[in-house]
Amino acid sequence: MDPILFQVGPFVVRWYGLMMAVTIVTSLWAATRWGPRFGVDRALIDRIVFWLVVILFAGARLGYVLSHPGEFRDPLEILRIWHGGLSSHGAIAAGLLYVAAVARHAGISAWSLADTFAWPIPLGNIFVRFGNFMNGELYGDPTTLPWGVRFPTAPDAPRHPLQLYEMLLGAVILLIAWRMAARRAFPGQVWWVIVALTSVGRIALDALRGEDQVLWGILAYGQIAAAALLVVALWFLFRRPTQTGSARRSPLEADASR
C-alpha cells in the first residue's frame, strides 16, 4: 500500500485526498437526487453546499482536537490540518447545526434538509476509509485471522483491517438508507437511521482498537461520542420528530413520506 496514487514532479495526488473528493462529489449527487423528493429545492442545495463542506471540515477538525488534546500543545497545530486527523462526530454535529440554521432561514423542514445531506456519512466510510487503508492508518489490534493485514506502519504483526470493515459497514448502511429514502415515513428518518447504524458500528469496531482505549482502559473517545449519538438517534426515531423550521409541507415531501 502507498498513500501516493501518482506524482508528476512536485504535483502529488494522494489516495486520501482523492477519496475525500469522491465522497464530496457522490454526496452532492445523492443530495440532488433525493432533495427534491424531500421538499428541498435544487437551487438551495447548490447555494449552501460550498459552506456546508467548509463547516463539515471545520467541525471534523475541532472534534479531533477536542478528542486528542495531547497532540495540540501548540495552538497553531490546530490550523495545520495535515497534522493529526478529522473526527466524523465533529462533522456530524457541525453539519446538523448548520442545516438547522439554513432550514430556519429558508422556512423549510430541518429534518428534510438533514435527510438530504445525510449521505456523506456512509459514503465517507466507503471512500475515505480506503484512503486511510492506503495510508496505513486506523488499523486494529493484532489478529491471527486469515484476512489480517501487515501494515508498513505497524509491521510487528498482522492486524485487523478496520478500514475495510468500515467500508463494508458503510456499504450496508448506504443500501439500507437508500431503500428507506424511497418510502420515508417521516422527516429525519433517513438521517437518524444512518447516524444510529453508524454509531453502533463505531462502538463495535473501536473495541478492536485497543491502543485508542484510553478511558479506564476499555473505552475510546470515539465510542463515547458514538454512544451519545446513538442515544439521541434512538430518541428521535421513536419520537418521530415533526417538521422543524416550517409548518409547511410540500407535495413532493408528502409523496416521499407515503
C-alpha atoms as a PDB file:
ATOM      1  CA  MET A   1       0.000   0.000   0.000  1.00  0.00           C
ATOM      2  CA  ASP A   2       1.162   3.501  -0.850  1.00  0.00           C
ATOM      3  CA  PRO A   3      -0.527   6.785   0.183  1.00  0.00           C
ATOM      4  CA  ILE A   4       0.500   8.368  -3.148  1.00  0.00           C
ATOM      5  CA  LEU A   5      -1.575   7.488  -6.193  1.00  0.00           C
ATOM      6  CA  PHE A   6       0.813   9.177  -8.617  1.00  0.00           C
ATOM      7  CA  GLN A   7       3.308  12.024  -8.736  1.00  0.00           C
ATOM      8  CA  VAL A   8       4.444  14.227 -11.610  1.00  0.00           C
ATOM      9  CA  GLY A   9       7.284  16.443 -10.480  1.00  0.00           C
ATOM     10  CA  PRO A  10       6.079  18.480  -7.480  1.00  0.00           C
ATOM     11  CA  PHE A  11       2.439  17.573  -8.259  1.00  0.00           C
ATOM     12  CA  VAL A  12       1.292  14.788  -5.948  1.00  0.00           C
ATOM     13  CA  VAL A  13      -2.090  13.062  -5.909  1.00  0.00           C
ATOM     14  CA  ARG A  14      -2.735  11.138  -2.706  1.00  0.00           C
ATOM     15  CA  TRP A  15      -5.319   8.447  -2.207  1.00  0.00           C
ATOM     16  CA  TYR A  16      -6.769  10.138   0.865  1.00  0.00           C
ATOM     17  CA  GLY A  17      -7.354  13.460  -0.885  1.00  0.00           C
ATOM     18  CA  LEU A  18      -8.827  11.749  -3.935  1.00  0.00           C
ATOM     19  CA  MET A  19     -11.204   9.675  -1.818  1.00  0.00           C
ATOM     20  CA  MET A  20     -12.283  12.793   0.075  1.00  0.00           C
ATOM     21  CA  ALA A  21     -13.065  14.488  -3.248  1.00  0.00           C
ATOM     22  CA  VAL A  22     -15.009  11.427  -4.445  1.00  0.00           C
ATOM     23  CA  THR A  23     -17.018  11.496  -1.206  1.00  0.00           C
ATOM     24  CA  ILE A  24     -17.961  15.148  -1.751  1.00  0.00           C
ATOM     25  CA  VAL A  25     -18.966  14.632  -5.390  1.00  0.00           C
ATOM     26  CA  THR A  26     -21.023  11.491  -4.788  1.00  0.00           C
ATOM     27  CA  SER A  27     -22.682  13.022  -1.721  1.00  0.00           C
ATOM     28  CA  LEU A  28     -23.697  16.068  -3.751  1.00  0.00           C
ATOM     29  CA  TRP A  29     -25.125  13.797  -6.438  1.00  0.00           C
ATOM     30  CA  ALA A  30     -27.134  11.889  -3.804  1.00  0.00           C
ATOM     31  CA  ALA A  31     -28.377  15.158  -2.292  1.00  0.00           C
ATOM     32  CA  THR A  32     -29.630  16.423  -5.652  1.00  0.00           C
ATOM     33  CA  ARG A  33     -31.184  13.018  -6.301  1.00  0.00           C
ATOM     34  CA  TRP A  34     -33.221  12.928  -3.086  1.00  0.00           C
ATOM     35  CA  GLY A  35     -33.538  16.580  -2.061  1.00  0.00           C
ATOM     36  CA  PRO A  36     -36.454  17.442  -4.389  1.00  0.00           C
ATOM     37  CA  ARG A  37     -38.324  14.332  -3.238  1.00  0.00           C
ATOM     38  CA  PHE A  38     -37.895  15.511   0.352  1.00  0.00           C
ATOM     39  CA  GLY A  39     -39.194  19.002  -0.479  1.00  0.00           C
ATOM     40  CA  VAL A  40     -35.740  20.635  -0.729  1.00  0.00           C
ATOM     41  CA  ASP A  41     -35.240  22.799  -3.801  1.00  0.00           C
ATOM     42  CA  ARG A  42     -32.221  22.072  -6.006  1.00  0.00           C
ATOM     43  CA  ALA A  43     -31.299  25.767  -6.008  1.00  0.00           C
ATOM     44  CA  LEU A  44     -30.995  25.725  -2.206  1.00  0.00           C
ATOM     45  CA  ILE A  45     -28.735  22.681  -2.360  1.00  0.00           C
ATOM     46  CA  ASP A  46     -26.450  24.404  -4.861  1.00  0.00           C
ATOM     47  CA  ARG A  47     -26.423  27.575  -2.780  1.00  0.00           C
ATOM     48  CA  ILE A  48     -25.351  26.046   0.528  1.00  0.00           C
ATOM     49  CA  VAL A  49     -23.156  23.119  -0.499  1.00  0.00           C
ATOM     50  CA  PHE A  50     -19.858  25.069  -0.511  1.00  0.00           C
ATOM     51  CA  TRP A  51     -20.267  26.393   3.030  1.00  0.00           C
ATOM     52  CA  LEU A  52     -21.601  23.050   4.195  1.00  0.00           C
ATOM     53  CA  VAL A  53     -18.391  21.362   3.059  1.00  0.00           C
ATOM     54  CA  VAL A  54     -16.308  24.048   4.811  1.00  0.00           C
ATOM     55  CA  ILE A  55     -18.286  23.667   8.030  1.00  0.00           C
ATOM     56  CA  LEU A  56     -18.086  19.864   7.920  1.00  0.00           C
ATOM     57  CA  PHE A  57     -14.293  20.040   7.661  1.00  0.00           C
ATOM     58  CA  ALA A  58     -14.091  22.647  10.437  1.00  0.00           C
ATOM     59  CA  GLY A  59     -16.322  20.569  12.708  1.00  0.00           C
ATOM     60  CA  ALA A  60     -14.373  17.410  11.921  1.00  0.00           C
ATOM     61  CA  ARG A  61     -11.108  19.146  12.801  1.00  0.00           C
ATOM     62  CA  LEU A  62     -12.477  20.653  16.007  1.00  0.00           C
ATOM     63  CA  GLY A  63     -13.872  17.270  17.020  1.00  0.00           C
ATOM     64  CA  TYR A  64     -10.466  15.664  16.535  1.00  0.00           C
ATOM     65  CA  VAL A  65      -8.734  18.408  18.517  1.00  0.00           C
ATOM     66  CA  LEU A  66     -11.146  18.023  21.440  1.00  0.00           C
ATOM     67  CA  SER A  67     -10.768  14.234  21.474  1.00  0.00           C
ATOM     68  CA  HIS A  68      -6.952  14.289  21.129  1.00  0.00           C
ATOM     69  CA  PRO A  69      -5.882  17.282  23.265  1.00  0.00           C
ATOM     70  CA  GLY A  70      -2.439  15.859  23.927  1.00  0.00           C
ATOM     71  CA  GLU A  71      -1.473  16.314  20.281  1.00  0.00           C
ATOM     72  CA  PHE A  72      -2.099  20.071  20.311  1.00  0.00           C
ATOM     73  CA  ARG A  73       0.028  21.678  22.987  1.00  0.00           C
ATOM     74  CA  ASP A  74       0.834  24.386  20.428  1.00  0.00           C
ATOM     75  CA  PRO A  75      -2.453  26.080  19.369  1.00  0.00           C
ATOM     76  CA  LEU A  76      -1.036  26.679  15.894  1.00  0.00           C
ATOM     77  CA  GLU A  77      -1.055  22.921  15.336  1.00  0.00           C
ATOM     78  CA  ILE A  78      -4.836  23.122  15.147  1.00  0.00           C
ATOM     79  CA  LEU A  79      -4.543  25.098  11.909  1.00  0.00           C
ATOM     80  CA  ARG A  80      -2.047  22.664  10.388  1.00  0.00           C
ATOM     81  CA  ILE A  81      -4.722  20.324   9.099  1.00  0.00           C
ATOM     82  CA  TRP A  82      -2.127  17.985   7.577  1.00  0.00           C
ATOM     83  CA  HIS A  83      -1.076  17.127  11.152  1.00  0.00           C
ATOM     84  CA  GLY A  84      -3.435  14.912  13.117  1.00  0.00           C
ATOM     85  CA  GLY A  85      -6.787  13.990  11.658  1.00  0.00           C
ATOM     86  CA  LEU A  86     -10.521  14.572  11.404  1.00  0.00           C
ATOM     87  CA  SER A  87     -13.443  13.373  13.515  1.00  0.00           C
ATOM     88  CA  SER A  88     -16.665  12.169  11.933  1.00  0.00           C
ATOM     89  CA  HIS A  89     -18.553  13.019  15.129  1.00  0.00           C
ATOM     90  CA  GLY A  90     -17.433  16.632  14.942  1.00  0.00           C
ATOM     91  CA  ALA A  91     -18.531  16.796  11.321  1.00  0.00           C
ATOM     92  CA  ILE A  92     -21.961  15.356  12.175  1.00  0.00           C
ATOM     93  CA  ALA A  93     -22.539  17.867  14.980  1.00  0.00           C
ATOM     94  CA  ALA A  94     -21.356  20.873  12.964  1.00  0.00           C
ATOM     95  CA  GLY A  95     -23.297  19.810   9.872  1.00  0.00           C
ATOM     96  CA  LEU A  96     -26.521  19.358  11.816  1.00  0.00           C
ATOM     97  CA  LEU A  97     -26.215  22.797  13.424  1.00  0.00           C
ATOM     98  CA  TYR A  98     -25.601  24.436  10.041  1.00  0.00           C
ATOM     99  CA  VAL A  99     -28.502  22.564   8.420  1.00  0.00           C
ATOM    100  CA  ALA A 100     -30.826  23.682  11.246  1.00  0.00           C
ATOM    101  CA  ALA A 101     -29.787  27.324  10.768  1.00  0.00           C
ATOM    102  CA  VAL A 102     -30.241  27.168   6.987  1.00  0.00           C
ATOM    103  CA  ALA A 103     -33.627  25.459   7.276  1.00  0.00           C
ATOM    104  CA  ARG A 104     -34.899  28.070   9.707  1.00  0.00           C
ATOM    105  CA  HIS A 105     -33.794  30.896   7.422  1.00  0.00           C
ATOM    106  CA  ALA A 106     -35.269  29.205   4.329  1.00  0.00           C
ATOM    107  CA  GLY A 107     -38.517  28.223   6.061  1.00  0.00           C
ATOM    108  CA  ILE A 108     -38.269  24.506   5.316  1.00  0.00           C
ATOM    109  CA  SER A 109     -38.039  21.327   7.356  1.00  0.00           C
ATOM    110  CA  ALA A 110     -34.681  20.986   9.076  1.00  0.00           C
ATOM    111  CA  TRP A 111     -35.107  17.224   9.196  1.00  0.00           C
ATOM    112  CA  SER A 112     -35.818  17.004   5.477  1.00  0.00           C
ATOM    113  CA  LEU A 113     -32.687  19.040   4.837  1.00  0.00           C
ATOM    114  CA  ALA A 114     -30.763  16.701   7.156  1.00  0.00           C
ATOM    115  CA  ASP A 115     -32.105  13.709   5.206  1.00  0.00           C
ATOM    116  CA  THR A 116     -30.927  15.382   2.002  1.00  0.00           C
ATOM    117  CA  PHE A 117     -27.361  15.788   3.274  1.00  0.00           C
ATOM    118  CA  ALA A 118     -27.036  12.560   5.282  1.00  0.00           C
ATOM    119  CA  TRP A 119     -25.194  10.703   2.524  1.00  0.00           C
ATOM    120  CA  PRO A 120     -21.610  11.831   3.303  1.00  0.00           C
ATOM    121  CA  ILE A 121     -21.697   9.640   6.433  1.00  0.00           C
ATOM    122  CA  PRO A 122     -21.914   6.211   4.735  1.00  0.00           C
ATOM    123  CA  LEU A 123     -20.140   7.401   1.581  1.00  0.00           C
ATOM    124  CA  GLY A 124     -17.286   8.743   3.701  1.00  0.00           C
ATOM    125  CA  ASN A 125     -16.994   5.362   5.389  1.00  0.00           C
ATOM    126  CA  ILE A 126     -16.706   3.724   1.978  1.00  0.00           C
ATOM    127  CA  PHE A 127     -14.291   6.069   0.232  1.00  0.00           C
ATOM    128  CA  VAL A 128     -12.330   7.917   2.931  1.00  0.00           C
ATOM    129  CA  ARG A 129     -11.609   4.714   4.818  1.00  0.00           C
ATOM    130  CA  PHE A 130      -9.989   3.355   1.673  1.00  0.00           C
ATOM    131  CA  GLY A 131      -7.714   6.399   1.791  1.00  0.00           C
ATOM    132  CA  ASN A 132      -6.923   5.533   5.421  1.00  0.00           C
ATOM    133  CA  PHE A 133      -6.138   1.979   4.345  1.00  0.00           C
ATOM    134  CA  MET A 134      -3.695   3.179   1.692  1.00  0.00           C
ATOM    135  CA  ASN A 135      -2.125   5.486   4.291  1.00  0.00           C
ATOM    136  CA  GLY A 136      -1.608   2.506   6.604  1.00  0.00           C
ATOM    137  CA  GLU A 137      -3.511   4.152   9.465  1.00  0.00           C
ATOM    138  CA  LEU A 138      -6.526   3.469  11.704  1.00  0.00           C
ATOM    139  CA  TYR A 139      -5.846  -0.264  11.766  1.00  0.00           C
ATOM    140  CA  GLY A 140      -6.964  -2.539  14.593  1.00  0.00           C
ATOM    141  CA  ASP A 141      -5.303  -4.832  17.091  1.00  0.00           C
ATOM    142  CA  PRO A 142      -3.075  -7.761  16.089  1.00  0.00           C
ATOM    143  CA  THR A 143      -5.018 -10.770  14.841  1.00  0.00           C
ATOM    144  CA  THR A 144      -4.422 -14.340  13.723  1.00  0.00           C
ATOM    145  CA  LEU A 145      -7.413 -14.295  11.383  1.00  0.00           C
ATOM    146  CA  PRO A 146      -6.540 -15.175   7.773  1.00  0.00           C
ATOM    147  CA  TRP A 147      -7.509 -11.724   6.478  1.00  0.00           C
ATOM    148  CA  GLY A 148      -5.220  -9.864   8.857  1.00  0.00           C
ATOM    149  CA  VAL A 149      -3.060  -7.239   7.158  1.00  0.00           C
ATOM    150  CA  ARG A 150       0.540  -6.388   7.999  1.00  0.00           C
ATOM    151  CA  PHE A 151       0.705  -2.604   7.648  1.00  0.00           C
ATOM    152  CA  PRO A 152       4.023  -0.867   6.858  1.00  0.00           C
ATOM    153  CA  THR A 153       3.368   1.491   9.774  1.00  0.00           C
ATOM    154  CA  ALA A 154       2.852  -1.473  12.153  1.00  0.00           C
ATOM    155  CA  PRO A 155       4.939  -4.377  10.817  1.00  0.00           C
ATOM    156  CA  ASP A 156       5.042  -6.234  14.139  1.00  0.00           C
ATOM    157  CA  ALA A 157       2.040  -8.473  13.316  1.00  0.00           C
ATOM    158  CA  PRO A 158      -0.991  -8.817  11.035  1.00  0.00           C
ATOM    159  CA  ARG A 159      -3.763  -6.555  12.237  1.00  0.00           C
ATOM    160  CA  HIS A 160      -7.495  -6.172  11.833  1.00  0.00           C
ATOM    161  CA  PRO A 161      -8.062  -4.060   8.686  1.00  0.00           C
ATOM    162  CA  LEU A 162     -10.635  -1.871  10.413  1.00  0.00           C
ATOM    163  CA  GLN A 163     -10.712   0.442   7.403  1.00  0.00           C
ATOM    164  CA  LEU A 164     -12.066  -2.405   5.260  1.00  0.00           C
ATOM    165  CA  TYR A 165     -14.565  -3.358   7.967  1.00  0.00           C
ATOM    166  CA  GLU A 166     -15.837   0.231   7.995  1.00  0.00           C
ATOM    167  CA  MET A 167     -16.041   0.257   4.203  1.00  0.00           C
ATOM    168  CA  LEU A 168     -18.269  -2.811   4.333  1.00  0.00           C
ATOM    169  CA  LEU A 169     -20.344  -1.259   7.106  1.00  0.00           C
ATOM    170  CA  GLY A 170     -20.729   1.935   5.083  1.00  0.00           C
ATOM    171  CA  ALA A 171     -21.931  -0.006   2.052  1.00  0.00           C
ATOM    172  CA  VAL A 172     -24.558  -1.848   4.122  1.00  0.00           C
ATOM    173  CA  ILE A 173     -25.787   1.389   5.737  1.00  0.00           C
ATOM    174  CA  LEU A 174     -25.912   3.118   2.353  1.00  0.00           C
ATOM    175  CA  LEU A 175     -28.052   0.326   0.917  1.00  0.00           C
ATOM    176  CA  ILE A 176     -30.444   0.381   3.874  1.00  0.00           C
ATOM    177  CA  ALA A 177     -30.761   4.179   3.828  1.00  0.00           C
ATOM    178  CA  TRP A 178     -31.199   4.331   0.046  1.00  0.00           C
ATOM    179  CA  ARG A 179     -34.067   1.853   0.159  1.00  0.00           C
ATOM    180  CA  MET A 180     -35.590   3.624   3.152  1.00  0.00           C
ATOM    181  CA  ALA A 181     -35.423   7.019   1.427  1.00  0.00           C
ATOM    182  CA  ALA A 182     -37.842   5.776  -1.237  1.00  0.00           C
ATOM    183  CA  ARG A 183     -40.504   5.155   1.411  1.00  0.00           C
ATOM    184  CA  ARG A 184     -39.504   7.601   4.136  1.00  0.00           C
ATOM    185  CA  ALA A 185     -42.060   7.500   6.948  1.00  0.00           C
ATOM    186  CA  PHE A 186     -41.285  10.933   8.439  1.00  0.00           C
ATOM    187  CA  PRO A 187     -38.747  13.765   8.035  1.00  0.00           C
ATOM    188  CA  GLY A 188     -35.458  12.921   9.722  1.00  0.00           C
ATOM    189  CA  GLN A 189     -35.834   9.159   9.443  1.00  0.00           C
ATOM    190  CA  VAL A 190     -33.047   8.736   6.891  1.00  0.00           C
ATOM    191  CA  TRP A 191     -30.628  10.965   8.827  1.00  0.00           C
ATOM    192  CA  TRP A 192     -31.192   9.347  12.214  1.00  0.00           C
ATOM    193  CA  VAL A 193     -31.147   5.781  10.884  1.00  0.00           C
ATOM    194  CA  ILE A 194     -27.783   6.483   9.247  1.00  0.00           C
ATOM    195  CA  VAL A 195     -26.473   8.069  12.464  1.00  0.00           C
ATOM    196  CA  ALA A 196     -27.777   5.190  14.613  1.00  0.00           C
ATOM    197  CA  LEU A 197     -26.356   2.410  12.448  1.00  0.00           C
ATOM    198  CA  THR A 198     -23.025   4.201  12.026  1.00  0.00           C
ATOM    199  CA  SER A 199     -22.792   4.701  15.797  1.00  0.00           C
ATOM    200  CA  VAL A 200     -23.477   1.026  16.503  1.00  0.00           C
ATOM    201  CA  GLY A 201     -20.752   0.071  14.035  1.00  0.00           C
ATOM    202  CA  ARG A 202     -18.298   2.548  15.532  1.00  0.00           C
ATOM    203  CA  ILE A 203     -18.881   1.269  19.074  1.00  0.00           C
ATOM    204  CA  ALA A 204     -18.315  -2.320  17.935  1.00  0.00           C
ATOM    205  CA  LEU A 205     -15.299  -1.712  15.710  1.00  0.00           C
ATOM    206  CA  ASP A 206     -13.471   0.579  18.113  1.00  0.00           C
ATOM    207  CA  ALA A 207     -13.405  -2.376  20.512  1.00  0.00           C
ATOM    208  CA  LEU A 208     -10.788  -3.803  18.113  1.00  0.00           C
ATOM    209  CA  ARG A 209      -8.590  -0.726  18.517  1.00  0.00           C
ATOM    210  CA  GLY A 210      -7.027  -1.311  21.899  1.00  0.00           C
ATOM    211  CA  GLU A 211      -4.397   1.408  21.510  1.00  0.00           C
ATOM    212  CA  ASP A 212      -7.140   4.067  21.486  1.00  0.00           C
ATOM    213  CA  GLN A 213      -8.952   2.774  24.580  1.00  0.00           C
ATOM    214  CA  VAL A 214      -7.736   5.486  26.929  1.00  0.00           C
ATOM    215  CA  LEU A 215     -10.786   5.802  29.204  1.00  0.00           C
ATOM    216  CA  TRP A 216     -10.498   3.289  32.053  1.00  0.00           C
ATOM    217  CA  GLY A 217      -8.521   1.131  29.633  1.00  0.00           C
ATOM    218  CA  ILE A 218     -11.669  -0.181  27.955  1.00  0.00           C
ATOM    219  CA  LEU A 219     -13.207   2.726  26.036  1.00  0.00           C
ATOM    220  CA  ALA A 220     -12.083   5.054  23.274  1.00  0.00           C
ATOM    221  CA  TYR A 221     -13.247   8.642  22.901  1.00  0.00           C
ATOM    222  CA  GLY A 222     -14.913   7.655  19.641  1.00  0.00           C
ATOM    223  CA  GLN A 223     -17.053   5.070  21.435  1.00  0.00           C
ATOM    224  CA  ILE A 224     -18.258   7.648  23.953  1.00  0.00           C
ATOM    225  CA  ALA A 225     -19.256  10.065  21.194  1.00  0.00           C
ATOM    226  CA  ALA A 226     -20.892   7.261  19.200  1.00  0.00           C
ATOM    227  CA  ALA A 227     -22.872   6.113  22.241  1.00  0.00           C
ATOM    228  CA  ALA A 228     -24.145   9.649  22.832  1.00  0.00           C
ATOM    229  CA  LEU A 229     -25.200   9.977  19.182  1.00  0.00           C
ATOM    230  CA  LEU A 230     -26.878   6.579  19.312  1.00  0.00           C
ATOM    231  CA  VAL A 231     -28.997   7.594  22.320  1.00  0.00           C
ATOM    232  CA  VAL A 232     -30.058  10.823  20.591  1.00  0.00           C
ATOM    233  CA  ALA A 233     -30.791   8.999  17.328  1.00  0.00           C
ATOM    234  CA  LEU A 234     -32.951   6.372  19.013  1.00  0.00           C
ATOM    235  CA  TRP A 235     -34.842   9.057  20.917  1.00  0.00           C
ATOM    236  CA  PHE A 236     -35.665  10.921  17.705  1.00  0.00           C
ATOM    237  CA  LEU A 237     -36.580   7.756  15.809  1.00  0.00           C
ATOM    238  CA  PHE A 238     -39.009   6.593  18.480  1.00  0.00           C
ATOM    239  CA  ARG A 239     -40.342  10.102  18.947  1.00  0.00           C
ATOM    240  CA  ARG A 240     -40.866  10.578  15.186  1.00  0.00           C
ATOM    241  CA  PRO A 241     -39.893  14.275  15.028  1.00  0.00           C
ATOM    242  CA  THR A 242     -42.250  16.735  13.415  1.00  0.00           C
ATOM    243  CA  GLN A 243     -41.317  19.469  10.983  1.00  0.00           C
ATOM    244  CA  THR A 244     -38.686  21.894  12.240  1.00  0.00           C
ATOM    245  CA  GLY A 245     -38.400  25.390  10.819  1.00  0.00           C
ATOM    246  CA  SER A 246     -41.678  25.406   8.955  1.00  0.00           C
ATOM    247  CA  ALA A 247     -45.188  24.103   9.275  1.00  0.00           C
ATOM    248  CA  ARG A 248     -45.438  23.830   5.519  1.00  0.00           C
ATOM    249  CA  ARG A 249     -45.038  20.545   3.736  1.00  0.00           C
ATOM    250  CA  SER A 250     -44.593  20.355   0.010  1.00  0.00           C
ATOM    251  CA  PRO A 251     -46.465  17.861  -2.175  1.00  0.00           C
ATOM    252  CA  LEU A 252     -43.134  16.238  -3.093  1.00  0.00           C
ATOM    253  CA  GLU A 253     -42.291  15.702   0.561  1.00  0.00           C
ATOM    254  CA  ALA A 254     -45.751  14.353   1.274  1.00  0.00           C
ATOM    255  CA  ASP A 255     -45.392  11.834  -1.566  1.00  0.00           C
ATOM    256  CA  ALA A 256     -41.975  10.728  -0.300  1.00  0.00           C
ATOM    257  CA  SER A 257     -43.421  10.026   3.140  1.00  0.00           C
ATOM    258  CA  ARG A 258     -46.077   7.628   1.908  1.00  0.00           C
END
